[in-house]
C-alpha atoms as a PDB file:
ATOM      1  CA  MET A   1      -0.124   0.159   0.065  1.00  0.00           C
ATOM      2  CA  THR A   2       2.886   2.192   0.618  1.00  0.00           C
ATOM      3  CA  SER A   3       4.434   2.412  -2.904  1.00  0.00           C
ATOM      4  CA  ARG A   4       0.568   2.715  -4.468  1.00  0.00           C
ATOM      5  CA  VAL A   5      -0.052   6.308  -2.327  1.00  0.00           C
ATOM      6  CA  ARG A   6       3.434   7.499  -3.490  1.00  0.00           C
ATOM      7  CA  VAL A   7       2.518   6.581  -6.451  1.00  0.00           C
ATOM      8  CA  THR A   8      -0.680   8.507  -6.431  1.00  0.00           C
ATOM      9  CA  VAL A   9       0.843  11.531  -4.921  1.00  0.00           C
ATOM     10  CA  ALA A  10       3.516  11.470  -7.731  1.00  0.00           C
ATOM     11  CA  ALA A  11       1.195  11.390  -9.994  1.00  0.00           C
ATOM     12  CA  THR A  12      -1.014  13.911  -8.617  1.00  0.00           C
ATOM     13  CA  ALA A  13       2.028  16.700  -7.864  1.00  0.00           C
ATOM     14  CA  LEU A  14       3.191  15.905 -11.827  1.00  0.00           C
ATOM     15  CA  LEU A  15      -0.321  16.774 -13.028  1.00  0.00           C
ATOM     16  CA  GLY A  16      -0.835  20.108 -11.062  1.00  0.00           C
ATOM     17  CA  ILE A  17       2.757  21.226 -11.915  1.00  0.00           C
ATOM     18  CA  ALA A  18       2.009  20.596 -15.845  1.00  0.00           C
ATOM     19  CA  GLY A  19      -1.293  22.192 -15.454  1.00  0.00           C
ATOM     20  CA  LEU A  20       0.666  25.377 -13.834  1.00  0.00           C
ATOM     21  CA  THR A  21       3.338  25.215 -16.461  1.00  0.00           C
ATOM     22  CA  GLY A  22       0.901  25.615 -19.177  1.00  0.00           C
ATOM     23  CA  LEU A  23      -0.729  28.275 -17.509  1.00  0.00           C
ATOM     24  CA  THR A  24       2.776  30.122 -16.978  1.00  0.00           C
ATOM     25  CA  GLY A  25       3.481  29.437 -20.665  1.00  0.00           C
ATOM     26  CA  LEU A  26       0.190  31.217 -21.604  1.00  0.00           C
ATOM     27  CA  THR A  27       0.310  33.773 -19.866  1.00  0.00           C
ATOM     28  CA  GLY A  28       3.788  34.804 -21.032  1.00  0.00           C
ATOM     29  CA  CYS A  29       2.471  33.896 -24.631  1.00  0.00           C
ATOM     30  CA  SER A  30      -0.553  35.742 -24.817  1.00  0.00           C
ATOM     31  CA  SER A  31       0.935  39.016 -22.902  1.00  0.00           C
ATOM     32  CA  GLY A  32       3.678  38.663 -25.641  1.00  0.00           C
ATOM     33  CA  SER A  33       1.435  38.967 -28.546  1.00  0.00           C
ATOM     34  CA  GLY A  34      -0.132  41.938 -27.372  1.00  0.00           C
ATOM     35  CA  GLY A  35       1.705  44.087 -30.296  1.00  0.00           C
ATOM     36  CA  ASN A  36       2.977  46.748 -28.117  1.00  0.00           C
ATOM     37  CA  ASP A  37       6.198  47.183 -26.021  1.00  0.00           C
ATOM     38  CA  SER A  38       4.459  47.684 -22.768  1.00  0.00           C
ATOM     39  CA  GLY A  39       2.355  44.285 -23.249  1.00  0.00           C
ATOM     40  CA  GLY A  40       5.784  42.456 -24.248  1.00  0.00           C
ATOM     41  CA  SER A  41       7.368  43.614 -21.289  1.00  0.00           C
ATOM     42  CA  SER A  42       4.725  42.352 -18.868  1.00  0.00           C
ATOM     43  CA  GLY A  43       4.283  38.955 -20.811  1.00  0.00           C
ATOM     44  CA  GLY A  44       8.249  38.242 -20.086  1.00  0.00           C
ATOM     45  CA  SER A  45       8.085  39.733 -16.384  1.00  0.00           C
ATOM     46  CA  VAL A  46       5.238  37.160 -15.702  1.00  0.00           C
ATOM     47  CA  ALA A  47       7.309  34.305 -17.937  1.00  0.00           C
ATOM     48  CA  ASP A  48      10.338  35.216 -15.954  1.00  0.00           C
ATOM     49  CA  GLU A  49       8.840  35.532 -12.092  1.00  0.00           C
ATOM     50  CA  GLY A  50       6.966  31.928 -12.647  1.00  0.00           C
ATOM     51  CA  SER A  51       9.740  30.068 -10.924  1.00  0.00           C
ATOM     52  CA  ALA A  52      10.197  32.987  -8.297  1.00  0.00           C
ATOM     53  CA  ALA A  53       6.321  32.527  -7.244  1.00  0.00           C
ATOM     54  CA  ASP A  54       6.262  28.856  -7.461  1.00  0.00           C
ATOM     55  CA  SER A  55       8.971  28.693  -5.057  1.00  0.00           C
ATOM     56  CA  ASN A  56       7.531  31.443  -2.649  1.00  0.00           C
ATOM     57  CA  ALA A  57       3.953  29.745  -2.959  1.00  0.00           C
ATOM     58  CA  VAL A  58       5.219  26.505  -1.028  1.00  0.00           C
ATOM     59  CA  ARG A  59       6.935  28.720   1.701  1.00  0.00           C
ATOM     60  CA  ALA A  60       4.016  30.617   1.932  1.00  0.00           C
ATOM     61  CA  ASP A  61       1.554  27.272   2.502  1.00  0.00           C
ATOM     62  CA  ALA A  62       3.933  25.508   4.791  1.00  0.00           C
ATOM     63  CA  PRO A  63       0.631  23.924   6.993  1.00  0.00           C
ATOM     64  CA  ALA A  64       0.250  21.692   3.527  1.00  0.00           C
ATOM     65  CA  ASP A  65       3.532  20.469   3.402  1.00  0.00           C
ATOM     66  CA  SER A  66       3.460  19.515   6.789  1.00  0.00           C
ATOM     67  CA  VAL A  67       0.408  17.595   6.426  1.00  0.00           C
ATOM     68  CA  LYS A  68       2.001  15.564   3.313  1.00  0.00           C
ATOM     69  CA  ALA A  69       4.849  14.980   5.302  1.00  0.00           C
ATOM     70  CA  ALA A  70       2.798  13.524   8.604  1.00  0.00           C
ATOM     71  CA  TYR A  71       0.927  11.610   6.456  1.00  0.00           C
ATOM     72  CA  HIS A  72       4.609  10.158   4.700  1.00  0.00           C
ATOM     73  CA  ALA A  73       5.258   9.377   8.428  1.00  0.00           C
ATOM     74  CA  GLU A  74       1.984   7.910   9.228  1.00  0.00           C
ATOM     75  CA  ASP A  75       2.314   5.394   5.919  1.00  0.00           C
ATOM     76  CA  THR A  76       4.908   3.536   7.172  1.00  0.00           C
ATOM     77  CA  ALA A  77       2.751   2.734  10.532  1.00  0.00           C
ATOM     78  CA  ALA A  78       0.330   0.727   8.845  1.00  0.00           C
ATOM     79  CA  GLU A  79      -2.210   1.500  11.505  1.00  0.00           C
ATOM     80  CA  PRO A  80      -5.631   1.001  10.030  1.00  0.00           C
ATOM     81  CA  ALA A  81      -8.618   3.453  10.069  1.00  0.00           C
ATOM     82  CA  LEU A  82     -11.476   1.606  10.233  1.00  0.00           C
ATOM     83  CA  ILE A  83     -15.392   2.427   9.464  1.00  0.00           C
ATOM     84  CA  LYS A  84     -17.596   0.027  11.674  1.00  0.00           C
ATOM     85  CA  ARG A  85     -21.298  -0.182  10.997  1.00  0.00           C
ATOM     86  CA  GLY A  86     -23.693  -2.840  12.951  1.00  0.00           C
ATOM     87  CA  THR A  87     -27.291  -3.912  12.781  1.00  0.00           C
ATOM     88  CA  ILE A  88     -28.801  -5.452  15.809  1.00  0.00           C
ATOM     89  CA  GLY A  89     -32.520  -6.343  16.535  1.00  0.00           C
ATOM     90  CA  LEU A  90     -33.888  -6.942  19.667  1.00  0.00           C
ATOM     91  CA  ARG A  91     -37.280  -8.397  21.093  1.00  0.00           C
ATOM     92  CA  SER A  92     -38.587  -7.203  24.340  1.00  0.00           C
ATOM     93  CA  ASP A  93     -41.811  -7.403  26.532  1.00  0.00           C
ATOM     94  CA  ASP A  94     -41.457  -3.590  27.404  1.00  0.00           C
ATOM     95  CA  VAL A  95     -40.274  -1.898  24.379  1.00  0.00           C
ATOM     96  CA  ALA A  96     -39.978   1.556  26.273  1.00  0.00           C
ATOM     97  CA  LYS A  97     -37.777   0.277  29.300  1.00  0.00           C
ATOM     98  CA  ALA A  98     -35.233  -1.375  26.306  1.00  0.00           C
ATOM     99  CA  ARG A  99     -35.195   1.938  24.677  1.00  0.00           C
ATOM    100  CA  LEU A 100     -34.235   3.728  27.671  1.00  0.00           C
ATOM    101  CA  ASP A 101     -31.385   1.307  28.479  1.00  0.00           C
ATOM    102  CA  ALA A 102     -30.417   1.563  25.079  1.00  0.00           C
ATOM    103  CA  ARG A 103     -29.834   5.552  25.382  1.00  0.00           C
ATOM    104  CA  HIS A 104     -28.176   5.007  28.801  1.00  0.00           C
ATOM    105  CA  LEU A 105     -25.714   2.893  27.331  1.00  0.00           C
ATOM    106  CA  VAL A 106     -24.843   5.413  24.610  1.00  0.00           C
ATOM    107  CA  ASP A 107     -24.997   8.353  26.607  1.00  0.00           C
ATOM    108  CA  ILE A 108     -22.555   6.559  29.502  1.00  0.00           C
ATOM    109  CA  VAL A 109     -19.382   5.939  26.098  1.00  0.00           C
ATOM    110  CA  GLY A 110     -20.683   9.742  25.114  1.00  0.00           C
ATOM    111  CA  GLY A 111     -22.327   8.690  22.146  1.00  0.00           C
ATOM    112  CA  THR A 112     -25.626   9.993  20.336  1.00  0.00           C
ATOM    113  CA  VAL A 113     -29.147   9.216  18.876  1.00  0.00           C
ATOM    114  CA  ASP A 114     -28.682  10.719  15.347  1.00  0.00           C
ATOM    115  CA  ASP A 115     -32.411   9.082  14.530  1.00  0.00           C
ATOM    116  CA  GLU A 116     -35.395   7.830  16.053  1.00  0.00           C
ATOM    117  CA  GLU A 117     -38.409   6.427  14.895  1.00  0.00           C
ATOM    118  CA  THR A 118     -41.382   4.863  17.403  1.00  0.00           C
ATOM    119  CA  THR A 119     -44.446   3.197  16.547  1.00  0.00           C
ATOM    120  CA  ALA A 120     -47.220   2.537  19.226  1.00  0.00           C
ATOM    121  CA  ASP A 121     -50.207   0.195  19.724  1.00  0.00           C
ATOM    122  CA  ASP A 122     -53.911   0.747  19.951  1.00  0.00           C
ATOM    123  CA  ALA A 123     -53.133   0.813  23.602  1.00  0.00           C
ATOM    124  CA  GLY A 124     -51.002   3.706  23.330  1.00  0.00           C
ATOM    125  CA  GLU A 125     -47.832   1.642  24.555  1.00  0.00           C
ATOM    126  CA  VAL A 126     -44.532   1.711  22.679  1.00  0.00           C
ATOM    127  CA  SER A 127     -44.508  -1.586  20.204  1.00  0.00           C
ATOM    128  CA  SER A 128     -41.623  -0.772  18.148  1.00  0.00           C
ATOM    129  CA  VAL A 129     -38.353   1.572  17.555  1.00  0.00           C
ATOM    130  CA  ARG A 130     -35.738   2.433  15.304  1.00  0.00           C
ATOM    131  CA  MET A 131     -32.535   4.073  16.190  1.00  0.00           C
ATOM    132  CA  VAL A 132     -29.338   4.912  14.739  1.00  0.00           C
ATOM    133  CA  LEU A 133     -26.921   5.368  17.038  1.00  0.00           C
ATOM    134  CA  ARG A 134     -23.622   6.983  17.122  1.00  0.00           C
ATOM    135  CA  VAL A 135     -20.463   5.479  19.552  1.00  0.00           C
ATOM    136  CA  PRO A 136     -17.212   6.038  19.559  1.00  0.00           C
ATOM    137  CA  ALA A 137     -15.017   3.779  17.324  1.00  0.00           C
ATOM    138  CA  ALA A 138     -12.887   2.423  20.393  1.00  0.00           C
ATOM    139  CA  LYS A 139     -16.097   1.535  22.143  1.00  0.00           C
ATOM    140  CA  TYR A 140     -18.015  -0.308  19.069  1.00  0.00           C
ATOM    141  CA  ASP A 141     -17.245  -3.417  20.364  1.00  0.00           C
ATOM    142  CA  GLU A 142     -18.129  -2.929  23.878  1.00  0.00           C
ATOM    143  CA  VAL A 143     -21.080  -1.420  22.878  1.00  0.00           C
ATOM    144  CA  THR A 144     -22.747  -3.841  20.852  1.00  0.00           C
ATOM    145  CA  GLU A 145     -22.593  -6.612  23.320  1.00  0.00           C
ATOM    146  CA  GLN A 146     -23.869  -4.498  26.031  1.00  0.00           C
ATOM    147  CA  LEU A 147     -26.865  -3.754  23.744  1.00  0.00           C
ATOM    148  CA  LYS A 148     -27.505  -7.529  22.843  1.00  0.00           C
ATOM    149  CA  GLY A 149     -27.902  -8.007  26.546  1.00  0.00           C
ATOM    150  CA  ILE A 150     -31.058  -5.646  27.373  1.00  0.00           C
ATOM    151  CA  ALA A 151     -33.987  -7.796  25.745  1.00  0.00           C
ATOM    152  CA  THR A 152     -33.874 -10.983  23.410  1.00  0.00           C
ATOM    153  CA  LEU A 153     -31.723 -10.857  20.507  1.00  0.00           C
ATOM    154  CA  THR A 154     -33.170 -11.678  17.167  1.00  0.00           C
ATOM    155  CA  ASP A 155     -30.538 -10.600  14.721  1.00  0.00           C
ATOM    156  CA  ALA A 156     -26.923  -8.781  14.585  1.00  0.00           C
ATOM    157  CA  THR A 157     -24.560  -8.001  11.867  1.00  0.00           C
ATOM    158  CA  SER A 158     -21.469  -6.203  11.646  1.00  0.00           C
ATOM    159  CA  SER A 159     -18.948  -4.590   8.938  1.00  0.00           C
ATOM    160  CA  SER A 160     -15.672  -3.007   9.039  1.00  0.00           C
ATOM    161  CA  THR A 161     -13.922  -1.206   5.989  1.00  0.00           C
ATOM    162  CA  ASP A 162      -9.953  -0.078   6.335  1.00  0.00           C
ATOM    163  CA  VAL A 163     -10.080   3.589   4.666  1.00  0.00           C
ATOM    164  CA  ARG A 164      -6.801   4.655   5.765  1.00  0.00           C
ATOM    165  CA  ASP A 165      -5.329   4.346   2.200  1.00  0.00           C
ATOM    166  CA  ARG A 166      -8.263   6.764   1.350  1.00  0.00           C
ATOM    167  CA  ILE A 167      -7.466   9.292   4.231  1.00  0.00           C
ATOM    168  CA  ILE A 168      -3.916   9.406   3.057  1.00  0.00           C
ATOM    169  CA  ARG A 169      -4.649  10.144  -0.500  1.00  0.00           C
ATOM    170  CA  THR A 170      -6.976  12.808   0.021  1.00  0.00           C
ATOM    171  CA  HIS A 171      -5.070  14.766   2.775  1.00  0.00           C
ATOM    172  CA  VAL A 172      -2.180  14.669   0.286  1.00  0.00           C
ATOM    173  CA  GLN A 173      -4.274  15.511  -2.437  1.00  0.00           C
ATOM    174  CA  ILE A 174      -5.688  18.629   0.084  1.00  0.00           C
ATOM    175  CA  GLY A 175      -2.352  19.449   0.114  1.00  0.00           C
ATOM    176  CA  VAL A 176      -1.321  19.723  -3.228  1.00  0.00           C
ATOM    177  CA  GLN A 177      -4.349  21.857  -4.316  1.00  0.00           C
ATOM    178  CA  HIS A 178      -3.187  24.020  -1.208  1.00  0.00           C
ATOM    179  CA  ASP A 179       0.186  24.548  -3.229  1.00  0.00           C
ATOM    180  CA  ALA A 180      -1.503  24.549  -6.717  1.00  0.00           C
ATOM    181  CA  ILE A 181      -3.753  27.529  -5.893  1.00  0.00           C
ATOM    182  CA  ALA A 182      -1.098  29.956  -3.812  1.00  0.00           C
ATOM    183  CA  ARG A 183       0.660  29.570  -6.990  1.00  0.00           C
ATOM    184  CA  ILE A 184      -2.233  30.500  -9.275  1.00  0.00           C
ATOM    185  CA  ARG A 185      -2.664  33.460  -7.466  1.00  0.00           C
ATOM    186  CA  GLN A 186       0.784  34.597  -7.633  1.00  0.00           C
ATOM    187  CA  LEU A 187       0.470  34.434 -11.246  1.00  0.00           C
ATOM    188  CA  LEU A 188      -2.744  35.876 -11.006  1.00  0.00           C
ATOM    189  CA  ALA A 189      -1.581  39.038  -9.162  1.00  0.00           C
ATOM    190  CA  ARG A 190       0.961  39.229 -12.102  1.00  0.00           C
ATOM    191  CA  ALA A 191      -1.303  38.905 -15.518  1.00  0.00           C
ATOM    192  CA  THR A 192      -2.264  41.970 -17.441  1.00  0.00           C
ATOM    193  CA  ASN A 193      -3.853  40.541 -20.312  1.00  0.00           C
ATOM    194  CA  ILE A 194      -7.541  40.103 -19.935  1.00  0.00           C
ATOM    195  CA  GLY A 195      -7.517  36.627 -21.993  1.00  0.00           C
ATOM    196  CA  ASP A 196      -4.699  35.574 -19.533  1.00  0.00           C
ATOM    197  CA  ILE A 197      -6.737  36.803 -16.560  1.00  0.00           C
ATOM    198  CA  ILE A 198      -9.623  34.684 -17.270  1.00  0.00           C
ATOM    199  CA  ARG A 199      -8.297  31.494 -17.975  1.00  0.00           C
ATOM    200  CA  ILE A 200      -6.130  31.597 -14.707  1.00  0.00           C
ATOM    201  CA  GLU A 201      -9.523  32.801 -12.925  1.00  0.00           C
ATOM    202  CA  SER A 202     -11.211  29.797 -14.341  1.00  0.00           C
ATOM    203  CA  GLU A 203      -8.526  27.754 -13.248  1.00  0.00           C
ATOM    204  CA  LEU A 204      -8.484  28.882  -9.835  1.00  0.00           C
ATOM    205  CA  THR A 205     -12.115  28.086  -9.225  1.00  0.00           C
ATOM    206  CA  ASP A 206     -11.773  24.898 -10.585  1.00  0.00           C
ATOM    207  CA  ARG A 207      -8.966  24.239  -7.929  1.00  0.00           C
ATOM    208  CA  ILE A 208     -10.877  25.875  -5.320  1.00  0.00           C
ATOM    209  CA  ALA A 209     -14.083  23.566  -6.235  1.00  0.00           C
ATOM    210  CA  SER A 210     -11.705  20.543  -5.981  1.00  0.00           C
ATOM    211  CA  LEU A 211     -10.346  21.505  -2.595  1.00  0.00           C
ATOM    212  CA  ASP A 212     -13.550  21.813  -1.162  1.00  0.00           C
ATOM    213  CA  THR A 213     -14.831  18.681  -2.125  1.00  0.00           C
ATOM    214  CA  LEU A 214     -11.371  17.116  -1.035  1.00  0.00           C
ATOM    215  CA  ARG A 215     -12.013  18.626   2.630  1.00  0.00           C
ATOM    216  CA  ARG A 216     -15.575  17.348   2.816  1.00  0.00           C
ATOM    217  CA  THR A 217     -14.597  13.714   1.961  1.00  0.00           C
ATOM    218  CA  ALA A 218     -11.658  14.208   4.829  1.00  0.00           C
ATOM    219  CA  ALA A 219     -14.449  15.122   7.350  1.00  0.00           C
ATOM    220  CA  TYR A 220     -16.660  12.662   6.214  1.00  0.00           C
ATOM    221  CA  LEU A 221     -14.060   9.960   6.855  1.00  0.00           C
ATOM    222  CA  ALA A 222     -12.887  11.494  10.192  1.00  0.00           C
ATOM    223  CA  ASP A 223     -16.188  11.590  10.921  1.00  0.00           C
ATOM    224  CA  GLN A 224     -17.274   7.895  10.058  1.00  0.00           C
ATOM    225  CA  THR A 225     -13.726   6.366  11.578  1.00  0.00           C
ATOM    226  CA  SER A 226     -13.969   8.317  14.765  1.00  0.00           C
ATOM    227  CA  MET A 227     -17.777   7.349  15.667  1.00  0.00           C
ATOM    228  CA  SER A 228     -19.285   3.933  14.678  1.00  0.00           C
ATOM    229  CA  THR A 229     -22.943   3.707  13.461  1.00  0.00           C
ATOM    230  CA  ILE A 230     -25.222   0.995  15.190  1.00  0.00           C
ATOM    231  CA  ASN A 231     -28.702   0.742  13.623  1.00  0.00           C
ATOM    232  CA  LEU A 232     -30.954  -0.996  16.848  1.00  0.00           C
ATOM    233  CA  TYR A 233     -34.171  -2.603  16.280  1.00  0.00           C
ATOM    234  CA  ILE A 234     -36.219  -2.837  19.161  1.00  0.00           C
ATOM    235  CA  GLU A 235     -39.711  -5.113  18.719  1.00  0.00           C
ATOM    236  CA  LYS A 236     -42.590  -5.935  21.070  1.00  0.00           C
ATOM    237  CA  SER A 237     -42.356  -9.460  21.920  1.00  0.00           C
ATOM    238  CA  PRO A 238     -45.643 -11.853  20.285  1.00  0.00           C
ATOM    239  CA  ASP A 239     -48.013 -12.811  22.702  1.00  0.00           C
ATOM    240  CA  HIS A 240     -48.071 -16.300  24.123  1.00  0.00           C
ATOM    241  CA  ALA A 241     -49.481 -18.697  21.907  1.00  0.00           C
ATOM    242  CA  ALA A 242     -52.516 -20.398  23.028  1.00  0.00           C
ATOM    243  CA  PRO A 243     -52.245 -23.964  24.602  1.00  0.00           C
ATOM    244  CA  ALA A 244     -52.439 -26.277  22.261  1.00  0.00           C
ATOM    245  CA  PRO A 245     -55.870 -28.220  22.345  1.00  0.00           C
ATOM    246  CA  GLU A 246     -56.114 -31.566  24.925  1.00  0.00           C
ATOM    247  CA  LYS A 247     -56.828 -34.939  23.147  1.00  0.00           C
ATOM    248  CA  ARG A 248     -60.177 -35.665  22.964  1.00  0.00           C
ATOM    249  CA  ARG A 249     -60.714 -38.847  25.621  1.00  0.00           C
ATOM    250  CA  THR A 250     -62.728 -41.777  24.649  1.00  0.00           C
ATOM    251  CA  GLY A 251     -64.514 -44.759  26.332  1.00  0.00           C
ATOM    252  CA  PHE A 252     -66.231 -44.401  29.778  1.00  0.00           C
ATOM    253  CA  ILE A 253     -64.272 -41.437  31.203  1.00  0.00           C
ATOM    254  CA  GLY A 254     -64.575 -39.445  27.566  1.00  0.00           C
ATOM    255  CA  GLY A 255     -68.222 -40.051  28.222  1.00  0.00           C
ATOM    256  CA  LEU A 256     -68.588 -39.155  31.792  1.00  0.00           C
ATOM    257  CA  ASP A 257     -66.256 -35.776  30.513  1.00  0.00           C
ATOM    258  CA  ARG A 258     -68.646 -35.139  27.723  1.00  0.00           C
ATOM    259  CA  GLY A 259     -72.023 -35.583  29.676  1.00  0.00           C
ATOM    260  CA  TRP A 260     -70.377 -33.261  32.236  1.00  0.00           C
ATOM    261  CA  ASP A 261     -69.922 -30.680  29.772  1.00  0.00           C
ATOM    262  CA  ALA A 262     -73.127 -31.353  28.406  1.00  0.00           C
ATOM    263  CA  PHE A 263     -75.160 -31.055  32.038  1.00  0.00           C
ATOM    264  CA  THR A 264     -72.905 -27.763  32.799  1.00  0.00           C
ATOM    265  CA  ALA A 265     -73.841 -26.182  29.444  1.00  0.00           C
ATOM    266  CA  THR A 266     -77.708 -27.185  30.027  1.00  0.00           C
ATOM    267  CA  VAL A 267     -77.475 -25.779  33.183  1.00  0.00           C
ATOM    268  CA  GLY A 268     -75.803 -22.667  31.979  1.00  0.00           C
ATOM    269  CA  TRP A 269     -78.337 -22.061  29.449  1.00  0.00           C
ATOM    270  CA  LEU A 270     -81.286 -22.501  31.798  1.00  0.00           C
ATOM    271  CA  ALA A 271     -79.787 -20.224  33.983  1.00  0.00           C
ATOM    272  CA  GLY A 272     -79.571 -17.743  31.077  1.00  0.00           C
ATOM    273  CA  ALA A 273     -82.939 -18.223  30.110  1.00  0.00           C
ATOM    274  CA  VAL A 274     -84.287 -17.655  33.850  1.00  0.00           C
ATOM    275  CA  GLY A 275     -82.203 -14.504  33.921  1.00  0.00           C
ATOM    276  CA  THR A 276     -83.441 -13.310  30.416  1.00  0.00           C
ATOM    277  CA  VAL A 277     -87.265 -13.736  31.706  1.00  0.00           C
ATOM    278  CA  LEU A 278     -87.009 -12.875  35.638  1.00  0.00           C
ATOM    279  CA  PRO A 279     -87.498  -8.904  34.887  1.00  0.00           C
ATOM    280  CA  PHE A 280     -90.616  -9.413  33.015  1.00  0.00           C
ATOM    281  CA  ALA A 281     -91.875 -12.159  35.626  1.00  0.00           C
ATOM    282  CA  VAL A 282     -91.182  -9.105  38.415  1.00  0.00           C
ATOM    283  CA  ALA A 283     -92.830  -6.769  36.259  1.00  0.00           C
ATOM    284  CA  LEU A 284     -95.881  -8.659  35.475  1.00  0.00           C
ATOM    285  CA  THR A 285     -96.302  -9.765  39.172  1.00  0.00           C
ATOM    286  CA  VAL A 286     -96.182  -6.181  40.409  1.00  0.00           C
ATOM    287  CA  VAL A 287     -98.971  -5.179  37.774  1.00  0.00           C
ATOM    288  CA  GLY A 288    -100.755  -8.170  37.638  1.00  0.00           C
ATOM    289  CA  ILE A 289    -102.096  -8.696  41.102  1.00  0.00           C
ATOM    290  CA  PRO A 290    -103.233  -5.477  41.998  1.00  0.00           C
ATOM    291  CA  LEU A 291    -105.496  -5.573  38.370  1.00  0.00           C
ATOM    292  CA  GLY A 292    -106.524  -9.174  38.900  1.00  0.00           C
ATOM    293  CA  TRP A 293    -107.638  -8.102  42.482  1.00  0.00           C
ATOM    294  CA  LEU A 294    -109.670  -4.983  40.837  1.00  0.00           C
ATOM    295  CA  LEU A 295    -111.064  -7.276  38.009  1.00  0.00           C
ATOM    296  CA  ARG A 296    -112.222  -9.766  40.379  1.00  0.00           C
ATOM    297  CA  ARG A 297    -114.154  -7.028  42.425  1.00  0.00           C
ATOM    298  CA  ARG A 298    -115.647  -5.805  39.902  1.00  0.00           C
ATOM    299  CA  PHE A 299    -116.784  -8.894  38.631  1.00  0.00           C
ATOM    300  CA  ARG A 300    -118.572  -9.588  41.906  1.00  0.00           C
ATOM    301  CA  SER A 301    -120.267  -6.718  42.836  1.00  0.00           C
ATOM    302  CA  GLY A 302    -121.739  -6.905  38.943  1.00  0.00           C
ATOM    303  CA  ARG A 303    -123.080 -10.152  40.052  1.00  0.00           C
ATOM    304  CA  THR A 304    -124.916  -9.316  43.193  1.00  0.00           C
ATOM    305  CA  ALA A 305    -126.767  -5.814  41.456  1.00  0.00           C
ATOM    306  CA  LYS A 306    -130.176  -6.259  40.634  1.00  0.00           C
ATOM    307  CA  PRO A 307    -132.027  -5.474  37.519  1.00  0.00           C
ATOM    308  CA  VAL A 308    -133.931  -2.500  37.173  1.00  0.00           C
ATOM    309  CA  ALA A 309    -138.062  -3.330  36.284  1.00  0.00           C
ATOM    310  CA  GLY A 310    -139.789  -1.501  33.338  1.00  0.00           C
END
């Protein structure tokens, strides 16, 4: 890997130098073809001072050289830079408690919960949780093992990717772009021909855009290697399965069981029927007894009354 990185660095540096050399020659030629003495002298000045500007730019951007030197030194250490990711699935009778336990573990190690999605059932209880946890890379293995113990583990996966070579290349390219931008700014400060100024500014814009992209890449790699990601899923345990039906007995015992079941079912039905009819019977009794007494009395009085003679 060491030789590959050095070849990449060398190639990047050569491309940068070749592009700058073309810009320098372009500035000198365009200025020299201006058609007057002042234009020719200014073009010659840019061409003559190009090498001095390049050497001064390196010294003006010493941090870039320091970064390159530091990563060349790291290249001999062969220490990996790992991006670790994991997925853990759990089941729990109390999903809310398991979620709090997971948050507590993350807080202890100085991690964060970057994303969380919670689902509740009809009763308002938490039924499932999805959490994206970020924990320090040095604590990744410890945290994953502890998370597996807060509830019933259903599945777990883990992966790691060594991006050390990519980190080294990215930082070296950042240093090269710093040097190139410093040199181009020196050329831009000395250019007088409008055509050269436009071309140099375009090149400067491209270099700055490339530098911004490299910086974002370096920041992303630094974040991913310093903080590992764990996707945690917690679901509510399913209801207990219904007990298997008992075997139906045969013979005398089976008949006795069936007879008893029929008897209890009949008694239950009769009790239900009595309970249904009883309110009506009470109402009829309360109303019927006085009404019957009145009717009987009236009937007797009618029989004893004498008919009126004509």
